[in-house]
Amino acid sequence: MVLEPDPDADPEDRERLGRQLRDELRALDVDEVTAVEGAAPPPGSKGAVGLLTEWLVTLSGGGGVFVSVIGTIKAWLGGRAGAHKVTVTIDGDTLELSSATPEERAELVETFVRRHQPA
């Protein structure tokens, strides 16, 4: 998972935003949320090095946890002003959440979650 804060955010705000999202994810029933050190910006990203925060989120086997993680990211973005973007990648399939309308975001999330629900 990659958080790309609003490019206009200052370094303190970027760090604070990263901590807030990480803490919200850790509060879920996930096994672990660990920082990925030295992560490169995603291909095509307009963000500069140092503007991204990347974590590896390790989930337990239950499918409900995955839905909670995606829902938490969606709610976190919805509660923040600014052009923040969160990218979630599972097995090469990427979901990018940003300044889409709540309806667009809901549709994207629903489609992504359906593709990755355990059978």
N, C-alpha and C. Protein backbone atom coordinates (compact mmCIF):
# COMPACT_ATOMS: atom_id res chain seq x y z
N MET A 1 0.83 -1.15 0.00
CA MET A 1 0.00 0.00 0.00
C MET A 1 0.89 1.23 0.00
N VAL A 2 0.54 2.21 -0.84
CA VAL A 2 1.32 3.44 -0.94
C VAL A 2 0.42 4.63 -0.69
N LEU A 3 0.86 5.52 0.21
CA LEU A 3 0.18 6.79 0.43
C LEU A 3 1.01 7.86 -0.25
N GLU A 4 0.36 8.61 -1.13
CA GLU A 4 0.99 9.76 -1.76
C GLU A 4 0.21 11.00 -1.32
N PRO A 5 0.71 11.70 -0.29
CA PRO A 5 0.00 12.88 0.19
C PRO A 5 -0.07 13.97 -0.87
N ASP A 6 -0.98 14.90 -0.65
CA ASP A 6 -1.11 16.07 -1.51
C ASP A 6 0.27 16.69 -1.72
N PRO A 7 0.66 16.94 -2.96
CA PRO A 7 1.98 17.51 -3.23
C PRO A 7 2.20 18.86 -2.55
N ASP A 8 1.13 19.56 -2.22
CA ASP A 8 1.26 20.86 -1.55
C ASP A 8 1.44 20.73 -0.04
N ALA A 9 1.32 19.53 0.50
CA ALA A 9 1.48 19.33 1.94
C ALA A 9 2.95 19.49 2.31
N ASP A 10 3.19 20.11 3.46
CA ASP A 10 4.58 20.27 3.92
C ASP A 10 5.05 18.96 4.55
N PRO A 11 6.38 18.81 4.75
CA PRO A 11 6.91 17.54 5.27
C PRO A 11 6.28 17.10 6.59
N GLU A 12 5.98 18.03 7.49
CA GLU A 12 5.34 17.65 8.76
C GLU A 12 3.95 17.09 8.53
N ASP A 13 3.19 17.71 7.63
CA ASP A 13 1.85 17.21 7.32
C ASP A 13 1.92 15.83 6.67
N ARG A 14 2.87 15.62 5.76
CA ARG A 14 3.01 14.31 5.12
C ARG A 14 3.31 13.23 6.16
N GLU A 15 4.20 13.55 7.09
CA GLU A 15 4.53 12.58 8.13
C GLU A 15 3.33 12.30 9.02
N ARG A 16 2.61 13.35 9.41
CA ARG A 16 1.43 13.21 10.26
C ARG A 16 0.36 12.37 9.56
N LEU A 17 0.11 12.65 8.28
CA LEU A 17 -0.87 11.88 7.51
C LEU A 17 -0.50 10.41 7.46
N GLY A 18 0.77 10.15 7.21
CA GLY A 18 1.24 8.76 7.16
C GLY A 18 1.04 8.05 8.49
N ARG A 19 1.37 8.72 9.58
CA ARG A 19 1.18 8.12 10.91
C ARG A 19 -0.30 7.85 11.19
N GLN A 20 -1.15 8.79 10.81
CA GLN A 20 -2.59 8.62 11.06
C GLN A 20 -3.14 7.40 10.32
N LEU A 21 -2.81 7.28 9.05
CA LEU A 21 -3.32 6.14 8.28
C LEU A 21 -2.73 4.84 8.80
N ARG A 22 -1.43 4.83 9.07
CA ARG A 22 -0.79 3.62 9.59
C ARG A 22 -1.44 3.20 10.91
N ASP A 23 -1.68 4.16 11.80
CA ASP A 23 -2.30 3.83 13.09
C ASP A 23 -3.71 3.28 12.92
N GLU A 24 -4.46 3.85 11.98
CA GLU A 24 -5.81 3.32 11.73
C GLU A 24 -5.77 1.90 11.19
N LEU A 25 -4.79 1.61 10.33
CA LEU A 25 -4.66 0.25 9.80
C LEU A 25 -4.23 -0.71 10.90
N ARG A 26 -3.31 -0.29 11.75
CA ARG A 26 -2.85 -1.15 12.85
C ARG A 26 -3.96 -1.45 13.85
N ALA A 27 -4.95 -0.57 13.95
CA ALA A 27 -6.07 -0.78 14.88
C ALA A 27 -7.01 -1.88 14.38
N LEU A 28 -6.88 -2.25 13.11
CA LEU A 28 -7.71 -3.32 12.55
C LEU A 28 -7.13 -4.67 12.95
N ASP A 29 -7.82 -5.74 12.61
CA ASP A 29 -7.36 -7.09 12.92
C ASP A 29 -6.39 -7.59 11.84
N VAL A 30 -5.34 -6.78 11.57
CA VAL A 30 -4.31 -7.19 10.61
C VAL A 30 -3.16 -7.81 11.39
N ASP A 31 -2.40 -8.67 10.73
CA ASP A 31 -1.25 -9.29 11.39
C ASP A 31 -0.13 -8.28 11.61
N GLU A 32 0.10 -7.42 10.60
CA GLU A 32 1.23 -6.50 10.69
C GLU A 32 1.12 -5.39 9.65
N VAL A 33 1.65 -4.21 10.00
CA VAL A 33 1.79 -3.09 9.07
C VAL A 33 3.23 -2.64 9.20
N THR A 34 4.04 -2.90 8.17
CA THR A 34 5.46 -2.56 8.24
C THR A 34 5.84 -1.63 7.10
N ALA A 35 6.73 -0.71 7.40
CA ALA A 35 7.21 0.23 6.39
C ALA A 35 8.09 -0.49 5.39
N VAL A 36 7.99 -0.08 4.13
CA VAL A 36 8.86 -0.59 3.08
C VAL A 36 9.94 0.47 2.90
N GLU A 37 11.15 0.15 3.27
CA GLU A 37 12.25 1.11 3.21
C GLU A 37 12.77 1.26 1.78
N GLY A 38 13.08 2.49 1.42
CA GLY A 38 13.68 2.77 0.11
C GLY A 38 12.78 2.47 -1.06
N ALA A 39 11.49 2.54 -0.85
CA ALA A 39 10.54 2.24 -1.92
C ALA A 39 10.59 3.33 -2.99
N ALA A 40 10.56 2.92 -4.23
CA ALA A 40 10.56 3.85 -5.35
C ALA A 40 9.13 4.29 -5.65
N PRO A 41 8.96 5.49 -6.19
CA PRO A 41 7.61 5.92 -6.56
C PRO A 41 7.01 4.97 -7.60
N PRO A 42 5.69 4.81 -7.57
CA PRO A 42 5.05 3.95 -8.56
C PRO A 42 5.29 4.47 -9.97
N PRO A 43 5.32 3.59 -10.98
CA PRO A 43 5.51 4.04 -12.35
C PRO A 43 4.46 5.09 -12.73
N GLY A 44 4.89 6.16 -13.36
CA GLY A 44 3.98 7.21 -13.79
C GLY A 44 3.61 8.19 -12.70
N SER A 45 4.14 7.97 -11.49
CA SER A 45 3.81 8.85 -10.37
C SER A 45 4.44 10.21 -10.57
N LYS A 46 3.71 11.25 -10.21
CA LYS A 46 4.23 12.60 -10.29
C LYS A 46 4.89 13.01 -8.99
N GLY A 47 4.78 12.16 -7.96
CA GLY A 47 5.35 12.46 -6.66
C GLY A 47 6.86 12.30 -6.67
N ALA A 48 7.53 13.14 -5.92
CA ALA A 48 8.98 13.04 -5.81
C ALA A 48 9.34 12.05 -4.72
N VAL A 49 10.56 11.54 -4.77
CA VAL A 49 11.04 10.65 -3.73
C VAL A 49 10.93 11.38 -2.40
N GLY A 50 10.49 10.70 -1.38
CA GLY A 50 10.30 11.31 -0.08
C GLY A 50 8.88 11.80 0.15
N LEU A 51 8.07 11.82 -0.89
CA LEU A 51 6.68 12.24 -0.73
C LEU A 51 5.76 11.04 -0.56
N LEU A 52 6.31 9.84 -0.66
CA LEU A 52 5.50 8.63 -0.58
C LEU A 52 5.76 7.90 0.73
N THR A 53 4.74 7.24 1.21
CA THR A 53 4.86 6.36 2.36
C THR A 53 4.32 5.02 1.92
N GLU A 54 5.14 3.98 2.04
CA GLU A 54 4.72 2.66 1.57
C GLU A 54 4.78 1.66 2.71
N TRP A 55 3.71 0.86 2.83
CA TRP A 55 3.64 -0.17 3.85
C TRP A 55 3.28 -1.50 3.23
N LEU A 56 3.75 -2.55 3.88
CA LEU A 56 3.31 -3.90 3.58
C LEU A 56 2.30 -4.24 4.68
N VAL A 57 1.07 -4.49 4.29
CA VAL A 57 0.01 -4.82 5.25
C VAL A 57 -0.22 -6.32 5.13
N THR A 58 0.08 -7.04 6.22
CA THR A 58 -0.07 -8.49 6.24
C THR A 58 -1.40 -8.83 6.90
N LEU A 59 -2.23 -9.56 6.17
CA LEU A 59 -3.57 -9.90 6.64
C LEU A 59 -3.63 -11.35 7.08
N SER A 60 -4.50 -11.62 8.03
CA SER A 60 -4.77 -13.00 8.41
C SER A 60 -5.65 -13.61 7.31
N GLY A 61 -5.99 -14.86 7.45
CA GLY A 61 -6.74 -15.56 6.41
C GLY A 61 -8.15 -15.08 6.18
N GLY A 62 -8.77 -14.40 7.14
CA GLY A 62 -10.17 -14.02 7.02
C GLY A 62 -10.40 -12.94 5.98
N GLY A 63 -11.40 -13.11 5.13
CA GLY A 63 -11.72 -12.14 4.09
C GLY A 63 -12.30 -10.84 4.62
N GLY A 64 -12.89 -10.89 5.82
CA GLY A 64 -13.47 -9.70 6.40
C GLY A 64 -12.43 -8.64 6.73
N VAL A 65 -11.22 -9.06 7.04
CA VAL A 65 -10.15 -8.12 7.36
C VAL A 65 -9.80 -7.29 6.13
N PHE A 66 -9.74 -7.92 4.99
CA PHE A 66 -9.42 -7.22 3.74
C PHE A 66 -10.45 -6.13 3.47
N VAL A 67 -11.72 -6.47 3.63
CA VAL A 67 -12.79 -5.50 3.41
C VAL A 67 -12.63 -4.34 4.40
N SER A 68 -12.27 -4.64 5.65
CA SER A 68 -12.06 -3.60 6.66
C SER A 68 -10.91 -2.68 6.30
N VAL A 69 -9.83 -3.24 5.78
CA VAL A 69 -8.67 -2.43 5.38
C VAL A 69 -9.06 -1.46 4.27
N ILE A 70 -9.72 -1.96 3.25
CA ILE A 70 -10.13 -1.11 2.12
C ILE A 70 -11.14 -0.06 2.61
N GLY A 71 -12.08 -0.46 3.45
CA GLY A 71 -13.06 0.48 3.98
C GLY A 71 -12.40 1.57 4.82
N THR A 72 -11.39 1.20 5.60
CA THR A 72 -10.67 2.17 6.43
C THR A 72 -9.93 3.18 5.56
N ILE A 73 -9.28 2.71 4.51
CA ILE A 73 -8.57 3.61 3.60
C ILE A 73 -9.57 4.57 2.94
N LYS A 74 -10.68 4.02 2.49
CA LYS A 74 -11.71 4.84 1.84
C LYS A 74 -12.24 5.91 2.80
N ALA A 75 -12.54 5.53 4.03
CA ALA A 75 -13.04 6.49 5.02
C ALA A 75 -11.97 7.51 5.37
N TRP A 76 -10.73 7.07 5.48
CA TRP A 76 -9.62 7.97 5.81
C TRP A 76 -9.49 9.04 4.73
N LEU A 77 -9.52 8.65 3.49
CA LEU A 77 -9.43 9.61 2.39
C LEU A 77 -10.62 10.56 2.39
N GLY A 78 -11.81 10.03 2.65
CA GLY A 78 -13.02 10.85 2.64
C GLY A 78 -13.03 11.89 3.74
N GLY A 79 -12.28 11.66 4.81
CA GLY A 79 -12.24 12.59 5.91
C GLY A 79 -11.12 13.60 5.84
N ARG A 80 -10.41 13.66 4.73
CA ARG A 80 -9.27 14.56 4.60
C ARG A 80 -9.46 15.48 3.41
N ALA A 81 -9.10 16.74 3.61
CA ALA A 81 -9.07 17.68 2.49
C ALA A 81 -7.72 17.52 1.79
N GLY A 82 -7.67 17.80 0.53
CA GLY A 82 -6.42 17.71 -0.21
C GLY A 82 -6.46 16.61 -1.24
N ALA A 83 -5.45 16.61 -2.08
CA ALA A 83 -5.37 15.66 -3.19
C ALA A 83 -4.51 14.46 -2.81
N HIS A 84 -4.86 13.78 -1.71
CA HIS A 84 -4.11 12.61 -1.28
C HIS A 84 -4.52 11.42 -2.15
N LYS A 85 -3.59 10.47 -2.29
CA LYS A 85 -3.87 9.28 -3.09
C LYS A 85 -3.31 8.07 -2.35
N VAL A 86 -4.09 7.00 -2.32
CA VAL A 86 -3.64 5.74 -1.74
C VAL A 86 -3.76 4.68 -2.83
N THR A 87 -2.69 3.92 -3.01
CA THR A 87 -2.67 2.85 -3.99
C THR A 87 -2.49 1.52 -3.26
N VAL A 88 -3.36 0.57 -3.55
CA VAL A 88 -3.30 -0.76 -2.95
C VAL A 88 -3.05 -1.74 -4.09
N THR A 89 -2.03 -2.60 -3.92
CA THR A 89 -1.72 -3.58 -4.96
C THR A 89 -1.72 -4.97 -4.35
N ILE A 90 -2.45 -5.88 -5.01
CA ILE A 90 -2.49 -7.28 -4.62
C ILE A 90 -2.22 -8.11 -5.86
N ASP A 91 -1.18 -8.90 -5.83
CA ASP A 91 -0.83 -9.78 -6.95
C ASP A 91 -0.85 -9.05 -8.29
N GLY A 92 -0.30 -7.85 -8.33
CA GLY A 92 -0.21 -7.09 -9.57
C GLY A 92 -1.48 -6.32 -9.94
N ASP A 93 -2.55 -6.49 -9.20
CA ASP A 93 -3.80 -5.77 -9.44
C ASP A 93 -3.82 -4.56 -8.53
N THR A 94 -3.97 -3.37 -9.10
CA THR A 94 -3.85 -2.14 -8.34
C THR A 94 -5.17 -1.36 -8.30
N LEU A 95 -5.48 -0.88 -7.09
CA LEU A 95 -6.61 0.00 -6.86
C LEU A 95 -6.04 1.33 -6.41
N GLU A 96 -6.39 2.40 -7.12
CA GLU A 96 -5.93 3.74 -6.78
C GLU A 96 -7.12 4.55 -6.31
N LEU A 97 -7.03 5.02 -5.08
CA LEU A 97 -8.09 5.84 -4.51
C LEU A 97 -7.57 7.25 -4.34
N SER A 98 -8.30 8.21 -4.86
CA SER A 98 -7.87 9.61 -4.74
C SER A 98 -9.09 10.49 -4.64
N SER A 99 -9.10 11.56 -5.39
CA SER A 99 -10.16 12.56 -5.26
C SER A 99 -11.42 12.22 -6.05
N ALA A 100 -11.68 10.95 -6.27
CA ALA A 100 -12.92 10.56 -6.94
C ALA A 100 -14.11 10.90 -6.05
N THR A 101 -15.27 11.00 -6.65
CA THR A 101 -16.47 11.24 -5.86
C THR A 101 -16.71 10.03 -4.97
N PRO A 102 -17.47 10.19 -3.89
CA PRO A 102 -17.75 9.03 -3.03
C PRO A 102 -18.41 7.88 -3.79
N GLU A 103 -19.27 8.20 -4.75
CA GLU A 103 -19.93 7.14 -5.54
C GLU A 103 -18.91 6.41 -6.42
N GLU A 104 -18.03 7.15 -7.08
CA GLU A 104 -16.99 6.52 -7.92
C GLU A 104 -16.07 5.66 -7.07
N ARG A 105 -15.69 6.19 -5.92
CA ARG A 105 -14.80 5.46 -5.02
C ARG A 105 -15.47 4.17 -4.55
N ALA A 106 -16.74 4.24 -4.20
CA ALA A 106 -17.48 3.06 -3.73
C ALA A 106 -17.53 1.98 -4.81
N GLU A 107 -17.78 2.39 -6.04
CA GLU A 107 -17.83 1.43 -7.15
C GLU A 107 -16.48 0.77 -7.39
N LEU A 108 -15.40 1.56 -7.38
CA LEU A 108 -14.05 1.02 -7.56
C LEU A 108 -13.72 0.03 -6.46
N VAL A 109 -14.01 0.41 -5.23
CA VAL A 109 -13.69 -0.45 -4.09
C VAL A 109 -14.48 -1.74 -4.16
N GLU A 110 -15.77 -1.66 -4.47
CA GLU A 110 -16.59 -2.87 -4.55
C GLU A 110 -16.05 -3.84 -5.60
N THR A 111 -15.69 -3.34 -6.75
CA THR A 111 -15.14 -4.19 -7.81
C THR A 111 -13.83 -4.83 -7.39
N PHE A 112 -12.94 -4.04 -6.79
CA PHE A 112 -11.63 -4.54 -6.35
C PHE A 112 -11.79 -5.60 -5.27
N VAL A 113 -12.65 -5.33 -4.30
CA VAL A 113 -12.86 -6.27 -3.20
C VAL A 113 -13.42 -7.58 -3.72
N ARG A 114 -14.38 -7.54 -4.62
CA ARG A 114 -14.96 -8.76 -5.20
C ARG A 114 -13.88 -9.62 -5.86
N ARG A 115 -12.95 -8.97 -6.56
CA ARG A 115 -11.90 -9.73 -7.25
C ARG A 115 -10.96 -10.42 -6.28
N HIS A 116 -10.84 -9.90 -5.06
CA HIS A 116 -9.84 -10.43 -4.14
C HIS A 116 -10.44 -11.09 -2.89
N GLN A 117 -11.73 -11.33 -2.88
CA GLN A 117 -12.36 -12.04 -1.77
C GLN A 117 -11.95 -13.50 -1.82
N PRO A 118 -11.62 -14.08 -0.67
CA PRO A 118 -11.32 -15.51 -0.68
C PRO A 118 -12.55 -16.31 -1.12
N ALA A 119 -12.30 -17.36 -1.86
CA ALA A 119 -13.42 -18.19 -2.36
C ALA A 119 -14.02 -19.04 -1.28
